[in-house]
Amino acid sequence: MRLLLVEDDTTLAGALRRGLIGEGYAVDLAVSGTEALWAAREFAYDLIVLDLTIPGADGVTVTRTLRAEERWTPILVLTARDAVADRVTALDAGADDYLIKPVALAELYARARALTRRAPSQRPAVLELAGITLDPARRTVTRDGQPVALSAREFALLHELMRHPDQVLTRTYLIDQLWDSDQLNGSNVVDVYIRYLREKVDRPFAQDTIQTVRGAGYRFGTS
């Protein structure tokens, strides 16, 4: 299997490359976002291991660019950024997995094996419910054919709700998925963003899709 390693720390890159070669991968190395994009366009890789803080285009930009070009090679982010917001941004951009440095090499190898065992990558499924179309790859939302502009966090929240239609999602679940739960204990941030979503997705269309289940949480209603 052929792998692209994108890492500008030469010492770390050398160690990772030797370890991955030992695991049976053919490894190409890129040290900038520009090199990474060129390589990913020129060669067919089974996996891309990508640092976020690289020269030129950063890792999130590289990921978004490749997904916008409909290149679906699995992307494993390997970075020192450990905030939930960074993980959400990278995963929403199209990354398949996220590991925080320093990482145990055994875990890196296991994650790489899991990603390369998958069937050939497909374009993420477009969700179409209650007149709303959400395209995770292009990060677009329309309702009744009209575009709806959402922030990254609003998009992530709507995506999570639409992935579980007619299911009640608790505030705790949503905070764990989309925010840093350690910093938001007791916060009303979910309620705030639900209100933002309703103002953009429901009210202009005289709909009540994003529903409150009193004492339980929220759901995306399809009927």
N, C-alpha and C. Protein backbone atom coordinates (compact mmCIF):
# COMPACT_ATOMS: atom_id res chain seq x y z
N MET A 1 0.84 -1.19 0.00
CA MET A 1 0.00 0.00 0.00
C MET A 1 0.88 1.25 0.00
N ARG A 2 0.38 2.29 -0.64
CA ARG A 2 1.15 3.52 -0.77
C ARG A 2 0.52 4.60 0.09
N LEU A 3 1.35 5.29 0.84
CA LEU A 3 0.90 6.27 1.82
C LEU A 3 1.64 7.58 1.60
N LEU A 4 0.91 8.70 1.79
CA LEU A 4 1.53 10.03 1.75
C LEU A 4 1.60 10.57 3.17
N LEU A 5 2.80 10.85 3.63
CA LEU A 5 3.02 11.43 4.95
C LEU A 5 3.33 12.91 4.78
N VAL A 6 2.52 13.77 5.41
CA VAL A 6 2.70 15.21 5.28
C VAL A 6 3.11 15.75 6.66
N GLU A 7 4.39 16.07 6.80
CA GLU A 7 4.94 16.48 8.09
C GLU A 7 6.20 17.30 7.85
N ASP A 8 6.26 18.52 8.43
CA ASP A 8 7.40 19.39 8.18
C ASP A 8 8.48 19.28 9.25
N ASP A 9 8.23 18.56 10.34
CA ASP A 9 9.26 18.30 11.34
C ASP A 9 10.10 17.13 10.84
N THR A 10 11.32 17.42 10.40
CA THR A 10 12.11 16.39 9.71
C THR A 10 12.45 15.21 10.61
N THR A 11 12.70 15.49 11.90
CA THR A 11 13.03 14.39 12.82
C THR A 11 11.83 13.47 13.00
N LEU A 12 10.66 14.06 13.26
CA LEU A 12 9.46 13.26 13.43
C LEU A 12 9.09 12.55 12.14
N ALA A 13 9.19 13.27 11.02
CA ALA A 13 8.85 12.66 9.73
C ALA A 13 9.71 11.45 9.45
N GLY A 14 11.02 11.56 9.76
CA GLY A 14 11.92 10.43 9.54
C GLY A 14 11.53 9.23 10.37
N ALA A 15 11.20 9.48 11.65
CA ALA A 15 10.83 8.38 12.54
C ALA A 15 9.52 7.72 12.10
N LEU A 16 8.54 8.55 11.74
CA LEU A 16 7.27 8.00 11.29
C LEU A 16 7.43 7.22 9.98
N ARG A 17 8.23 7.78 9.08
CA ARG A 17 8.42 7.11 7.79
C ARG A 17 9.08 5.75 7.97
N ARG A 18 10.11 5.69 8.82
CA ARG A 18 10.77 4.39 9.06
C ARG A 18 9.80 3.39 9.67
N GLY A 19 8.99 3.86 10.63
CA GLY A 19 8.05 2.95 11.26
C GLY A 19 6.98 2.45 10.30
N LEU A 20 6.47 3.34 9.46
CA LEU A 20 5.43 2.94 8.51
C LEU A 20 5.98 2.01 7.43
N ILE A 21 7.20 2.26 7.01
CA ILE A 21 7.84 1.35 6.06
C ILE A 21 7.97 -0.04 6.69
N GLY A 22 8.33 -0.04 7.99
CA GLY A 22 8.42 -1.31 8.70
C GLY A 22 7.10 -2.04 8.78
N GLU A 23 5.99 -1.30 8.70
CA GLU A 23 4.66 -1.90 8.72
C GLU A 23 4.21 -2.35 7.33
N GLY A 24 5.06 -2.11 6.32
CA GLY A 24 4.76 -2.60 4.99
C GLY A 24 4.24 -1.57 4.01
N TYR A 25 4.26 -0.28 4.39
CA TYR A 25 3.79 0.76 3.49
C TYR A 25 4.94 1.31 2.65
N ALA A 26 4.62 1.69 1.42
CA ALA A 26 5.51 2.54 0.64
C ALA A 26 5.13 3.98 0.99
N VAL A 27 6.11 4.77 1.45
CA VAL A 27 5.80 6.07 2.03
C VAL A 27 6.45 7.19 1.22
N ASP A 28 5.62 8.12 0.73
CA ASP A 28 6.11 9.36 0.15
C ASP A 28 6.00 10.45 1.21
N LEU A 29 6.91 11.42 1.17
CA LEU A 29 6.93 12.47 2.17
C LEU A 29 6.71 13.83 1.51
N ALA A 30 5.83 14.63 2.10
CA ALA A 30 5.63 16.03 1.70
C ALA A 30 5.82 16.89 2.94
N VAL A 31 6.43 18.08 2.76
CA VAL A 31 6.72 18.93 3.91
C VAL A 31 5.91 20.22 3.91
N SER A 32 5.00 20.37 2.97
CA SER A 32 4.17 21.58 2.91
C SER A 32 2.82 21.23 2.30
N GLY A 33 1.86 22.14 2.48
CA GLY A 33 0.56 21.93 1.88
C GLY A 33 0.61 21.91 0.36
N THR A 34 1.47 22.73 -0.20
CA THR A 34 1.61 22.77 -1.66
C THR A 34 2.10 21.44 -2.19
N GLU A 35 3.14 20.87 -1.54
CA GLU A 35 3.66 19.57 -1.96
C GLU A 35 2.61 18.47 -1.78
N ALA A 36 1.86 18.57 -0.68
CA ALA A 36 0.84 17.55 -0.41
C ALA A 36 -0.23 17.54 -1.49
N LEU A 37 -0.70 18.73 -1.89
CA LEU A 37 -1.73 18.80 -2.92
C LEU A 37 -1.20 18.28 -4.25
N TRP A 38 0.04 18.64 -4.58
CA TRP A 38 0.61 18.15 -5.84
C TRP A 38 0.67 16.62 -5.84
N ALA A 39 1.20 16.06 -4.76
CA ALA A 39 1.36 14.60 -4.69
C ALA A 39 0.02 13.89 -4.74
N ALA A 40 -0.97 14.41 -4.00
CA ALA A 40 -2.27 13.76 -3.95
C ALA A 40 -2.99 13.81 -5.29
N ARG A 41 -2.67 14.82 -6.09
CA ARG A 41 -3.27 14.92 -7.43
C ARG A 41 -2.56 14.04 -8.45
N GLU A 42 -1.27 13.79 -8.21
CA GLU A 42 -0.46 13.05 -9.18
C GLU A 42 -0.50 11.54 -8.97
N PHE A 43 -0.66 11.10 -7.72
CA PHE A 43 -0.52 9.68 -7.41
C PHE A 43 -1.75 9.17 -6.66
N ALA A 44 -2.00 7.87 -6.80
CA ALA A 44 -3.11 7.23 -6.09
C ALA A 44 -2.59 6.67 -4.78
N TYR A 45 -3.03 7.25 -3.66
CA TYR A 45 -2.61 6.80 -2.34
C TYR A 45 -3.73 6.03 -1.66
N ASP A 46 -3.33 5.10 -0.81
CA ASP A 46 -4.29 4.36 0.01
C ASP A 46 -4.61 5.11 1.29
N LEU A 47 -3.74 6.04 1.69
CA LEU A 47 -3.93 6.79 2.93
C LEU A 47 -3.05 8.03 2.90
N ILE A 48 -3.55 9.12 3.49
CA ILE A 48 -2.75 10.33 3.70
C ILE A 48 -2.70 10.58 5.21
N VAL A 49 -1.48 10.67 5.76
CA VAL A 49 -1.29 11.04 7.17
C VAL A 49 -0.84 12.49 7.16
N LEU A 50 -1.63 13.37 7.78
CA LEU A 50 -1.52 14.80 7.53
C LEU A 50 -1.41 15.60 8.82
N ASP A 51 -0.33 16.38 8.95
CA ASP A 51 -0.23 17.34 10.04
C ASP A 51 -1.06 18.58 9.67
N LEU A 52 -1.63 19.25 10.68
CA LEU A 52 -2.41 20.46 10.40
C LEU A 52 -1.54 21.70 10.23
N THR A 53 -0.47 21.80 11.02
CA THR A 53 0.35 23.01 11.01
C THR A 53 1.56 22.81 10.11
N ILE A 54 1.33 22.95 8.83
CA ILE A 54 2.38 22.79 7.83
C ILE A 54 2.50 24.08 7.04
N PRO A 55 3.66 24.35 6.43
CA PRO A 55 3.83 25.59 5.64
C PRO A 55 2.90 25.60 4.43
N GLY A 56 2.66 26.78 3.94
CA GLY A 56 1.78 26.92 2.79
C GLY A 56 0.34 26.69 3.22
N ALA A 57 -0.41 25.98 2.40
CA ALA A 57 -1.78 25.63 2.78
C ALA A 57 -1.74 24.71 4.00
N ASP A 58 -2.51 25.04 5.04
CA ASP A 58 -2.48 24.20 6.23
C ASP A 58 -3.28 22.91 5.99
N GLY A 59 -3.26 22.02 6.99
CA GLY A 59 -3.87 20.72 6.81
C GLY A 59 -5.36 20.77 6.54
N VAL A 60 -6.06 21.69 7.19
CA VAL A 60 -7.51 21.81 6.95
C VAL A 60 -7.77 22.26 5.52
N THR A 61 -6.98 23.21 5.04
CA THR A 61 -7.14 23.68 3.65
C THR A 61 -6.85 22.56 2.66
N VAL A 62 -5.80 21.80 2.93
CA VAL A 62 -5.47 20.65 2.06
C VAL A 62 -6.64 19.68 2.02
N THR A 63 -7.19 19.37 3.19
CA THR A 63 -8.31 18.43 3.25
C THR A 63 -9.52 18.94 2.49
N ARG A 64 -9.89 20.20 2.74
CA ARG A 64 -11.05 20.77 2.06
C ARG A 64 -10.85 20.80 0.55
N THR A 65 -9.63 21.13 0.13
CA THR A 65 -9.35 21.22 -1.30
C THR A 65 -9.49 19.86 -1.97
N LEU A 66 -8.93 18.83 -1.34
CA LEU A 66 -9.02 17.49 -1.92
C LEU A 66 -10.46 17.00 -1.98
N ARG A 67 -11.22 17.26 -0.93
CA ARG A 67 -12.62 16.81 -0.94
C ARG A 67 -13.44 17.60 -1.96
N ALA A 68 -13.15 18.89 -2.09
CA ALA A 68 -13.86 19.69 -3.10
C ALA A 68 -13.56 19.19 -4.51
N GLU A 69 -12.36 18.62 -4.69
CA GLU A 69 -11.99 18.05 -5.99
C GLU A 69 -12.47 16.60 -6.13
N GLU A 70 -13.24 16.14 -5.14
CA GLU A 70 -13.79 14.78 -5.11
C GLU A 70 -12.69 13.72 -5.12
N ARG A 71 -11.66 13.97 -4.33
CA ARG A 71 -10.60 12.99 -4.09
C ARG A 71 -10.85 12.44 -2.68
N TRP A 72 -11.15 11.15 -2.60
CA TRP A 72 -11.68 10.57 -1.36
C TRP A 72 -10.69 9.65 -0.66
N THR A 73 -9.39 9.79 -0.94
CA THR A 73 -8.38 9.04 -0.20
C THR A 73 -8.56 9.28 1.30
N PRO A 74 -8.58 8.23 2.14
CA PRO A 74 -8.72 8.45 3.58
C PRO A 74 -7.62 9.37 4.11
N ILE A 75 -8.01 10.27 5.00
CA ILE A 75 -7.06 11.23 5.59
C ILE A 75 -7.06 11.04 7.11
N LEU A 76 -5.88 10.73 7.64
CA LEU A 76 -5.67 10.61 9.08
C LEU A 76 -4.89 11.83 9.54
N VAL A 77 -5.53 12.70 10.31
CA VAL A 77 -4.87 13.89 10.83
C VAL A 77 -4.02 13.51 12.04
N LEU A 78 -2.78 13.97 12.05
CA LEU A 78 -1.85 13.72 13.15
C LEU A 78 -1.30 15.08 13.57
N THR A 79 -1.71 15.58 14.74
CA THR A 79 -1.39 16.96 15.09
C THR A 79 -1.28 17.15 16.59
N ALA A 80 -0.62 18.23 16.98
CA ALA A 80 -0.53 18.59 18.40
C ALA A 80 -1.76 19.37 18.85
N ARG A 81 -2.61 19.79 17.95
CA ARG A 81 -3.81 20.55 18.32
C ARG A 81 -4.82 19.61 18.96
N ASP A 82 -5.11 19.85 20.25
CA ASP A 82 -5.97 18.90 20.96
C ASP A 82 -7.33 19.46 21.35
N ALA A 83 -7.66 20.67 20.91
CA ALA A 83 -8.96 21.25 21.25
C ALA A 83 -10.07 20.59 20.46
N VAL A 84 -11.25 20.45 21.07
CA VAL A 84 -12.39 19.88 20.38
C VAL A 84 -12.71 20.67 19.11
N ALA A 85 -12.58 21.99 19.19
CA ALA A 85 -12.89 22.83 18.02
C ALA A 85 -12.01 22.47 16.83
N ASP A 86 -10.72 22.17 17.10
CA ASP A 86 -9.82 21.78 16.01
C ASP A 86 -10.23 20.43 15.43
N ARG A 87 -10.64 19.50 16.29
CA ARG A 87 -11.07 18.20 15.79
C ARG A 87 -12.33 18.34 14.94
N VAL A 88 -13.27 19.13 15.42
CA VAL A 88 -14.51 19.35 14.67
C VAL A 88 -14.21 19.97 13.31
N THR A 89 -13.34 20.97 13.28
CA THR A 89 -13.00 21.65 12.03
C THR A 89 -12.38 20.68 11.03
N ALA A 90 -11.42 19.86 11.50
CA ALA A 90 -10.74 18.92 10.61
C ALA A 90 -11.70 17.84 10.10
N LEU A 91 -12.52 17.30 10.99
CA LEU A 91 -13.45 16.25 10.57
C LEU A 91 -14.53 16.80 9.65
N ASP A 92 -15.01 18.02 9.94
CA ASP A 92 -15.99 18.64 9.05
C ASP A 92 -15.39 18.95 7.69
N ALA A 93 -14.10 19.22 7.65
CA ALA A 93 -13.44 19.49 6.38
C ALA A 93 -13.32 18.24 5.52
N GLY A 94 -13.45 17.06 6.15
CA GLY A 94 -13.41 15.82 5.39
C GLY A 94 -12.40 14.80 5.86
N ALA A 95 -11.70 15.08 6.97
CA ALA A 95 -10.76 14.09 7.51
C ALA A 95 -11.53 12.88 8.03
N ASP A 96 -10.90 11.71 7.98
CA ASP A 96 -11.56 10.48 8.41
C ASP A 96 -11.24 10.11 9.85
N ASP A 97 -10.11 10.57 10.36
CA ASP A 97 -9.71 10.24 11.73
C ASP A 97 -8.75 11.32 12.22
N TYR A 98 -8.52 11.35 13.54
CA TYR A 98 -7.77 12.44 14.15
C TYR A 98 -6.98 11.89 15.33
N LEU A 99 -5.67 12.02 15.30
CA LEU A 99 -4.80 11.59 16.39
C LEU A 99 -3.99 12.77 16.89
N ILE A 100 -3.79 12.81 18.21
CA ILE A 100 -3.08 13.92 18.83
C ILE A 100 -1.66 13.50 19.20
N LYS A 101 -0.70 14.36 18.84
CA LYS A 101 0.70 14.13 19.20
C LYS A 101 0.92 14.47 20.67
N PRO A 102 1.84 13.81 21.35
CA PRO A 102 2.59 12.64 20.87
C PRO A 102 1.69 11.41 20.83
N VAL A 103 1.91 10.58 19.85
CA VAL A 103 1.05 9.42 19.65
C VAL A 103 1.86 8.14 19.80
N ALA A 104 1.25 7.13 20.37
CA ALA A 104 1.88 5.80 20.42
C ALA A 104 1.87 5.23 19.01
N LEU A 105 3.04 4.81 18.55
CA LEU A 105 3.12 4.31 17.17
C LEU A 105 2.18 3.13 16.95
N ALA A 106 1.99 2.29 17.96
CA ALA A 106 1.09 1.15 17.79
C ALA A 106 -0.33 1.61 17.47
N GLU A 107 -0.76 2.72 18.09
CA GLU A 107 -2.09 3.25 17.80
C GLU A 107 -2.15 3.83 16.39
N LEU A 108 -1.10 4.55 16.00
CA LEU A 108 -1.05 5.08 14.64
C LEU A 108 -1.17 3.96 13.62
N TYR A 109 -0.41 2.89 13.82
CA TYR A 109 -0.46 1.77 12.88
C TYR A 109 -1.86 1.14 12.85
N ALA A 110 -2.48 1.01 14.03
CA ALA A 110 -3.81 0.42 14.09
C ALA A 110 -4.83 1.28 13.36
N ARG A 111 -4.75 2.61 13.57
CA ARG A 111 -5.69 3.51 12.87
C ARG A 111 -5.46 3.45 11.36
N ALA A 112 -4.20 3.40 10.96
CA ALA A 112 -3.89 3.30 9.53
C ALA A 112 -4.45 2.01 8.94
N ARG A 113 -4.28 0.91 9.66
CA ARG A 113 -4.83 -0.36 9.16
C ARG A 113 -6.34 -0.29 9.05
N ALA A 114 -7.00 0.32 10.03
CA ALA A 114 -8.46 0.41 10.00
C ALA A 114 -8.93 1.21 8.79
N LEU A 115 -8.26 2.31 8.51
CA LEU A 115 -8.67 3.15 7.39
C LEU A 115 -8.40 2.49 6.04
N THR A 116 -7.28 1.78 5.94
CA THR A 116 -6.95 1.17 4.64
C THR A 116 -7.70 -0.14 4.42
N ARG A 117 -8.33 -0.68 5.47
CA ARG A 117 -9.16 -1.88 5.30
C ARG A 117 -10.51 -1.56 4.70
N ARG A 118 -10.90 -0.30 4.79
CA ARG A 118 -12.22 0.07 4.29
C ARG A 118 -12.31 -0.14 2.78
N ALA A 119 -13.56 -0.23 2.31
CA ALA A 119 -13.78 -0.25 0.87
C ALA A 119 -13.29 1.06 0.28
N PRO A 120 -13.02 1.09 -1.02
CA PRO A 120 -12.58 2.34 -1.64
C PRO A 120 -13.49 3.50 -1.24
N SER A 121 -12.85 4.61 -0.90
CA SER A 121 -13.59 5.74 -0.35
C SER A 121 -14.64 6.24 -1.33
N GLN A 122 -15.77 6.59 -0.77
CA GLN A 122 -16.87 7.14 -1.55
C GLN A 122 -17.13 8.57 -1.10
N ARG A 123 -17.78 9.29 -1.97
CA ARG A 123 -18.20 10.65 -1.61
C ARG A 123 -19.18 10.55 -0.45
N PRO A 124 -19.03 11.35 0.61
CA PRO A 124 -19.97 11.29 1.73
C PRO A 124 -21.40 11.48 1.25
N ALA A 125 -22.30 10.74 1.85
CA ALA A 125 -23.69 10.75 1.42
C ALA A 125 -24.32 12.12 1.63
N VAL A 126 -25.05 12.58 0.63
CA VAL A 126 -25.85 13.79 0.75
C VAL A 126 -27.12 13.43 1.51
N LEU A 127 -27.47 14.25 2.50
CA LEU A 127 -28.67 14.01 3.30
C LEU A 127 -29.81 14.87 2.76
N GLU A 128 -30.97 14.25 2.54
CA GLU A 128 -32.14 14.96 2.04
C GLU A 128 -33.33 14.59 2.90
N LEU A 129 -33.78 15.53 3.73
CA LEU A 129 -34.89 15.29 4.64
C LEU A 129 -35.72 16.56 4.78
N ALA A 130 -37.03 16.40 4.76
CA ALA A 130 -37.96 17.51 5.02
C ALA A 130 -37.67 18.74 4.18
N GLY A 131 -37.27 18.52 2.93
CA GLY A 131 -37.00 19.64 2.04
C GLY A 131 -35.62 20.24 2.19
N ILE A 132 -34.82 19.72 3.14
CA ILE A 132 -33.46 20.21 3.36
C ILE A 132 -32.48 19.25 2.71
N THR A 133 -31.53 19.80 1.97
CA THR A 133 -30.45 19.02 1.37
C THR A 133 -29.14 19.50 1.96
N LEU A 134 -28.43 18.58 2.61
CA LEU A 134 -27.14 18.89 3.22
C LEU A 134 -26.07 18.04 2.56
N ASP A 135 -25.09 18.71 1.97
CA ASP A 135 -23.99 18.03 1.26
C ASP A 135 -22.72 18.16 2.10
N PRO A 136 -22.30 17.08 2.80
CA PRO A 136 -21.12 17.17 3.67
C PRO A 136 -19.83 17.47 2.91
N ALA A 137 -19.73 16.98 1.68
CA ALA A 137 -18.49 17.19 0.92
C ALA A 137 -18.34 18.65 0.50
N ARG A 138 -19.39 19.21 -0.01
CA ARG A 138 -19.33 20.60 -0.46
C ARG A 138 -19.68 21.59 0.65
N ARG A 139 -20.15 21.07 1.79
CA ARG A 139 -20.52 21.89 2.94
C ARG A 139 -21.58 22.93 2.55
N THR A 140 -22.59 22.45 1.87
CA THR A 140 -23.69 23.32 1.45
C THR A 140 -25.01 22.81 2.01
N VAL A 141 -25.92 23.75 2.23
CA VAL A 141 -27.27 23.42 2.69
C VAL A 141 -28.26 24.20 1.84
N THR A 142 -29.29 23.54 1.38
CA THR A 142 -30.39 24.22 0.71
C THR A 142 -31.70 23.75 1.33
N ARG A 143 -32.71 24.62 1.25
CA ARG A 143 -34.06 24.22 1.66
C ARG A 143 -35.03 24.65 0.57
N ASP A 144 -35.79 23.71 0.08
CA ASP A 144 -36.71 23.97 -1.03
C ASP A 144 -35.98 24.65 -2.18
N GLY A 145 -34.74 24.23 -2.39
CA GLY A 145 -33.93 24.73 -3.49
C GLY A 145 -33.23 26.04 -3.23
N GLN A 146 -33.46 26.64 -2.07
CA GLN A 146 -32.83 27.93 -1.75
C GLN A 146 -31.62 27.71 -0.84
N PRO A 147 -30.47 28.33 -1.16
CA PRO A 147 -29.28 28.15 -0.32
C PRO A 147 -29.48 28.74 1.07
N VAL A 148 -28.92 28.04 2.07
CA VAL A 148 -28.95 28.48 3.46
C VAL A 148 -27.51 28.60 3.94
N ALA A 149 -27.10 29.80 4.31
CA ALA A 149 -25.72 30.04 4.76
C ALA A 149 -25.61 29.75 6.25
N LEU A 150 -24.71 28.81 6.61
CA LEU A 150 -24.50 28.43 8.00
C LEU A 150 -23.03 28.57 8.37
N SER A 151 -22.79 28.88 9.63
CA SER A 151 -21.41 28.86 10.13
C SER A 151 -20.95 27.40 10.26
N ALA A 152 -19.66 27.18 10.47
CA ALA A 152 -19.13 25.82 10.60
C ALA A 152 -19.81 25.06 11.74
N ARG A 153 -20.02 25.73 12.87
CA ARG A 153 -20.64 25.06 14.01
C ARG A 153 -22.11 24.79 13.76
N GLU A 154 -22.81 25.72 13.13
CA GLU A 154 -24.22 25.49 12.79
C GLU A 154 -24.35 24.33 11.82
N PHE A 155 -23.44 24.27 10.84
CA PHE A 155 -23.45 23.18 9.88
C PHE A 155 -23.24 21.83 10.58
N ALA A 156 -22.26 21.79 11.49
CA ALA A 156 -21.97 20.54 12.21
C ALA A 156 -23.16 20.10 13.05
N LEU A 157 -23.84 21.05 13.69
CA LEU A 157 -25.01 20.72 14.51
C LEU A 157 -26.15 20.20 13.65
N LEU A 158 -26.42 20.87 12.54
CA LEU A 158 -27.48 20.40 11.64
C LEU A 158 -27.14 19.02 11.09
N HIS A 159 -25.90 18.81 10.73
CA HIS A 159 -25.47 17.52 10.21
C HIS A 159 -25.72 16.41 11.24
N GLU A 160 -25.38 16.68 12.49
CA GLU A 160 -25.57 15.68 13.54
C GLU A 160 -27.06 15.38 13.73
N LEU A 161 -27.89 16.40 13.73
CA LEU A 161 -29.33 16.19 13.87
C LEU A 161 -29.90 15.39 12.69
N MET A 162 -29.47 15.73 11.47
CA MET A 162 -30.00 15.05 10.29
C MET A 162 -29.51 13.62 10.16
N ARG A 163 -28.36 13.33 10.77
CA ARG A 163 -27.86 11.95 10.76
C ARG A 163 -28.69 11.04 11.65
N HIS A 164 -29.51 11.64 12.53
CA HIS A 164 -30.33 10.85 13.46
C HIS A 164 -31.79 11.34 13.38
N PRO A 165 -32.43 11.24 12.23
CA PRO A 165 -33.78 11.79 12.10
C PRO A 165 -34.76 11.15 13.07
N ASP A 166 -35.60 12.01 13.67
CA ASP A 166 -36.66 11.60 14.60
C ASP A 166 -36.12 10.98 15.89
N GLN A 167 -34.81 11.08 16.12
CA GLN A 167 -34.23 10.61 17.38
C GLN A 167 -33.94 11.81 18.28
N VAL A 168 -34.18 11.63 19.57
CA VAL A 168 -33.90 12.71 20.52
C VAL A 168 -32.41 12.66 20.88
N LEU A 169 -31.72 13.78 20.67
CA LEU A 169 -30.31 13.91 21.04
C LEU A 169 -30.22 14.85 22.23
N THR A 170 -29.61 14.38 23.30
CA THR A 170 -29.53 15.19 24.51
C THR A 170 -28.51 16.30 24.35
N ARG A 171 -28.63 17.31 25.20
CA ARG A 171 -27.64 18.39 25.20
C ARG A 171 -26.26 17.83 25.50
N THR A 172 -26.18 16.90 26.44
CA THR A 172 -24.88 16.30 26.80
C THR A 172 -24.25 15.62 25.60
N TYR A 173 -25.05 14.86 24.86
CA TYR A 173 -24.53 14.18 23.66
C TYR A 173 -24.00 15.19 22.65
N LEU A 174 -24.77 16.22 22.40
CA LEU A 174 -24.36 17.20 21.40
C LEU A 174 -23.11 17.96 21.82
N ILE A 175 -23.01 18.30 23.10
CA ILE A 175 -21.79 18.96 23.58
C ILE A 175 -20.59 18.03 23.42
N ASP A 176 -20.75 16.76 23.78
CA ASP A 176 -19.65 15.81 23.65
C ASP A 176 -19.19 15.66 22.21
N GLN A 177 -20.15 15.72 21.28
CA GLN A 177 -19.82 15.52 19.86
C GLN A 177 -19.21 16.77 19.23
N LEU A 178 -19.66 17.95 19.64
CA LEU A 178 -19.37 19.16 18.88
C LEU A 178 -18.61 20.24 19.63
N TRP A 179 -18.50 20.10 20.96
CA TRP A 179 -17.80 21.11 21.75
C TRP A 179 -16.85 20.42 22.73
N ASP A 180 -16.14 21.21 23.49
CA ASP A 180 -15.27 20.70 24.54
C ASP A 180 -16.09 20.58 25.82
N SER A 181 -16.51 19.37 26.16
CA SER A 181 -17.44 19.18 27.27
C SER A 181 -16.84 19.60 28.60
N ASP A 182 -15.51 19.52 28.74
CA ASP A 182 -14.88 19.91 30.00
C ASP A 182 -15.02 21.40 30.27
N GLN A 183 -15.09 22.19 29.20
CA GLN A 183 -15.18 23.64 29.35
C GLN A 183 -16.61 24.16 29.35
N LEU A 184 -17.57 23.32 28.99
CA LEU A 184 -18.93 23.80 28.79
C LEU A 184 -19.93 23.17 29.74
N ASN A 185 -19.45 22.61 30.83
CA ASN A 185 -20.36 22.00 31.80
C ASN A 185 -21.36 23.05 32.30
N GLY A 186 -22.65 22.74 32.13
CA GLY A 186 -23.69 23.67 32.56
C GLY A 186 -23.96 24.80 31.60
N SER A 187 -23.30 24.82 30.45
CA SER A 187 -23.48 25.90 29.49
C SER A 187 -24.78 25.71 28.70
N ASN A 188 -25.33 26.82 28.20
CA ASN A 188 -26.52 26.76 27.33
C ASN A 188 -26.14 26.91 25.86
N VAL A 189 -24.89 26.56 25.51
CA VAL A 189 -24.42 26.78 24.14
C VAL A 189 -25.25 26.01 23.13
N VAL A 190 -25.71 24.81 23.47
CA VAL A 190 -26.53 24.05 22.53
C VAL A 190 -27.83 24.80 22.24
N ASP A 191 -28.48 25.30 23.29
CA ASP A 191 -29.73 26.04 23.10
C ASP A 191 -29.51 27.26 22.21
N VAL A 192 -28.38 27.93 22.40
CA VAL A 192 -28.07 29.12 21.59
C VAL A 192 -27.95 28.75 20.12
N TYR A 193 -27.22 27.67 19.83
CA TYR A 193 -27.02 27.30 18.43
C TYR A 193 -28.26 26.68 17.81
N ILE A 194 -29.07 26.02 18.61
CA ILE A 194 -30.36 25.55 18.11
C ILE A 194 -31.20 26.75 17.67
N ARG A 195 -31.19 27.82 18.47
CA ARG A 195 -31.93 29.03 18.10
C ARG A 195 -31.40 29.63 16.80
N TYR A 196 -30.05 29.67 16.67
CA TYR A 196 -29.46 30.17 15.42
C TYR A 196 -29.94 29.35 14.22
N LEU A 197 -29.94 28.01 14.38
CA LEU A 197 -30.36 27.14 13.28
C LEU A 197 -31.81 27.39 12.90
N ARG A 198 -32.66 27.49 13.90
CA ARG A 198 -34.08 27.72 13.61
C ARG A 198 -34.28 29.02 12.84
N GLU A 199 -33.52 30.05 13.21
CA GLU A 199 -33.65 31.34 12.54
C GLU A 199 -33.27 31.25 11.06
N LYS A 200 -32.39 30.31 10.73
CA LYS A 200 -31.90 30.22 9.35
C LYS A 200 -32.57 29.11 8.54
N VAL A 201 -32.90 28.00 9.22
CA VAL A 201 -33.36 26.80 8.50
C VAL A 201 -34.87 26.64 8.55
N ASP A 202 -35.50 27.03 9.65
CA ASP A 202 -36.94 26.80 9.82
C ASP A 202 -37.80 28.03 9.58
N ARG A 203 -37.53 29.09 10.30
CA ARG A 203 -38.46 30.23 10.32
C ARG A 203 -38.65 30.89 8.95
N PRO A 204 -37.58 31.08 8.15
CA PRO A 204 -37.81 31.70 6.84
C PRO A 204 -38.70 30.86 5.93
N PHE A 205 -38.86 29.57 6.27
CA PHE A 205 -39.64 28.66 5.43
C PHE A 205 -40.94 28.22 6.12
N ALA A 206 -41.23 28.86 7.26
CA ALA A 206 -42.45 28.56 8.02
C ALA A 206 -42.54 27.07 8.35
N GLN A 207 -41.43 26.52 8.82
CA GLN A 207 -41.36 25.10 9.18
C GLN A 207 -40.92 24.96 10.63
N ASP A 208 -41.16 23.78 11.19
CA ASP A 208 -40.76 23.48 12.57
C ASP A 208 -40.05 22.13 12.58
N THR A 209 -38.90 22.08 11.92
CA THR A 209 -38.18 20.83 11.75
C THR A 209 -37.29 20.51 12.95
N ILE A 210 -36.63 21.53 13.49
CA ILE A 210 -35.72 21.34 14.62
C ILE A 210 -36.54 21.51 15.88
N GLN A 211 -36.83 20.38 16.52
CA GLN A 211 -37.84 20.36 17.57
C GLN A 211 -37.22 20.16 18.95
N THR A 212 -37.82 20.81 19.94
CA THR A 212 -37.43 20.63 21.33
C THR A 212 -38.29 19.54 21.95
N VAL A 213 -37.64 18.60 22.62
CA VAL A 213 -38.34 17.59 23.41
C VAL A 213 -38.09 17.96 24.86
N ARG A 214 -39.07 18.55 25.47
CA ARG A 214 -38.89 19.16 26.80
C ARG A 214 -38.32 18.17 27.81
N GLY A 215 -37.27 18.58 28.47
CA GLY A 215 -36.64 17.75 29.49
C GLY A 215 -35.73 16.67 28.94
N ALA A 216 -35.61 16.57 27.60
CA ALA A 216 -34.81 15.49 27.00
C ALA A 216 -33.73 16.01 26.06
N GLY A 217 -34.11 16.88 25.12
CA GLY A 217 -33.12 17.38 24.17
C GLY A 217 -33.78 17.88 22.90
N TYR A 218 -33.18 17.56 21.76
CA TYR A 218 -33.65 18.07 20.48
C TYR A 218 -33.69 16.94 19.46
N ARG A 219 -34.54 17.11 18.46
CA ARG A 219 -34.58 16.14 17.38
C ARG A 219 -34.88 16.86 16.06
N PHE A 220 -34.48 16.19 14.98
CA PHE A 220 -34.82 16.65 13.62
C PHE A 220 -36.08 15.87 13.21
N GLY A 221 -37.20 16.57 13.17
CA GLY A 221 -38.46 15.91 12.86
C GLY A 221 -38.71 15.82 11.36
N THR A 222 -39.12 14.68 10.90
CA THR A 222 -39.36 14.49 9.47
C THR A 222 -40.85 14.46 9.15
N SER A 223 -41.69 14.57 10.16
CA SER A 223 -43.14 14.54 9.88
C SER A 223 -43.85 15.57 10.74
